[in-house]
Protein backbone atom coordinates (compact mmCIF):
# COMPACT_ATOMS: atom_id res chain seq x y z
CA MET A 1 1.19 -3.68 -9.39
CA PHE A 2 1.99 -0.84 -7.04
CA HIS A 3 2.51 1.46 -10.05
CA LEU A 4 -1.19 1.13 -10.83
CA LEU A 5 -2.16 1.95 -7.23
CA GLU A 6 0.29 4.85 -7.20
CA GLU A 7 -1.26 6.25 -10.38
CA MET A 8 -4.78 5.88 -8.97
CA ALA A 9 -3.78 7.79 -5.84
CA LYS A 10 -2.13 10.49 -7.94
CA VAL A 11 -5.27 10.95 -10.07
CA ARG A 12 -7.32 11.28 -6.88
CA ASN A 13 -4.75 13.73 -5.46
CA ASP A 14 -3.98 11.36 -2.56
CA SER A 15 -0.49 10.74 -1.27
CA PHE A 16 1.10 7.35 -1.91
CA LYS A 17 4.51 5.98 -1.02
CA ALA A 18 5.83 2.64 -2.21
CA VAL A 19 8.75 1.06 -0.38
CA HIS A 20 10.60 -1.66 -2.25
CA ILE A 21 12.29 -4.01 0.19
CA GLN A 22 15.45 -5.23 -1.45
CA THR A 23 17.45 -7.10 1.16
CA ARG A 24 16.85 -9.80 3.74
CA GLU A 25 17.86 -7.35 6.47
CA GLU A 26 15.27 -4.79 5.29
CA ALA A 27 12.63 -7.53 5.33
CA ARG A 28 13.57 -8.54 8.87
CA ASN A 29 13.29 -4.94 10.07
CA ALA A 30 10.13 -4.08 8.13
CA PRO A 31 7.00 -3.36 10.19
CA PRO A 32 4.53 -5.46 8.15
CA PRO A 33 4.03 -9.13 8.93
CA PHE A 34 4.12 -9.92 5.20
CA THR A 35 6.87 -8.36 3.12
CA THR A 36 5.58 -9.30 -0.34
CA PHE A 37 2.83 -6.66 -0.19
CA SER A 38 1.37 -4.64 2.66
CA LEU A 39 -0.81 -1.55 2.70
CA PHE A 40 -0.67 0.98 5.51
CA TYR A 41 -2.71 4.13 6.05
CA ASP A 42 -1.54 6.70 8.61
CA GLY A 43 0.74 4.07 10.14
CA GLU A 44 -2.11 1.54 10.48
CA PHE A 45 -1.74 -1.84 8.78
CA ILE A 46 -4.69 -2.27 6.40
CA THR A 47 -4.04 -5.45 4.42
CA HIS A 48 -1.46 -7.78 2.92
CA GLU A 49 -3.78 -8.64 0.02
CA ILE A 50 -2.57 -7.55 -3.41
CA LEU A 51 -5.30 -5.16 -4.48
CA SER A 52 -7.28 -4.67 -7.64
CA GLU A 53 -8.19 -1.12 -8.64
CA LYS A 54 -11.72 -1.68 -7.35
CA LYS A 55 -10.57 -2.89 -3.92
CA PHE A 56 -8.02 -0.08 -3.60
CA LYS A 57 -10.68 2.50 -4.48
CA LYS A 58 -13.01 0.96 -1.87
CA ILE A 59 -10.29 1.29 0.80
CA LEU A 60 -9.60 4.90 -0.15
CA THR A 61 -13.31 5.67 0.01
CA SER A 62 -13.67 3.98 3.41
CA LYS A 63 -10.87 6.21 4.71
CA GLY A 64 -12.65 9.32 3.42
CA LEU A 65 -10.24 9.91 0.56
């Protein structure tokens, strides 16, 4: 799923970084409360909801991107 969001950000010339948590220790030390999916913008937690293209675009727009 994140590949789709990454591609959307790339097309819009926005930066995007996906972090794949692979170990229990990484999950324990991760900043988000939910380690299955979390979206941050400028260090601010936005959502843990897995996003559709439409919802992701709405978030980007709301952040002025």
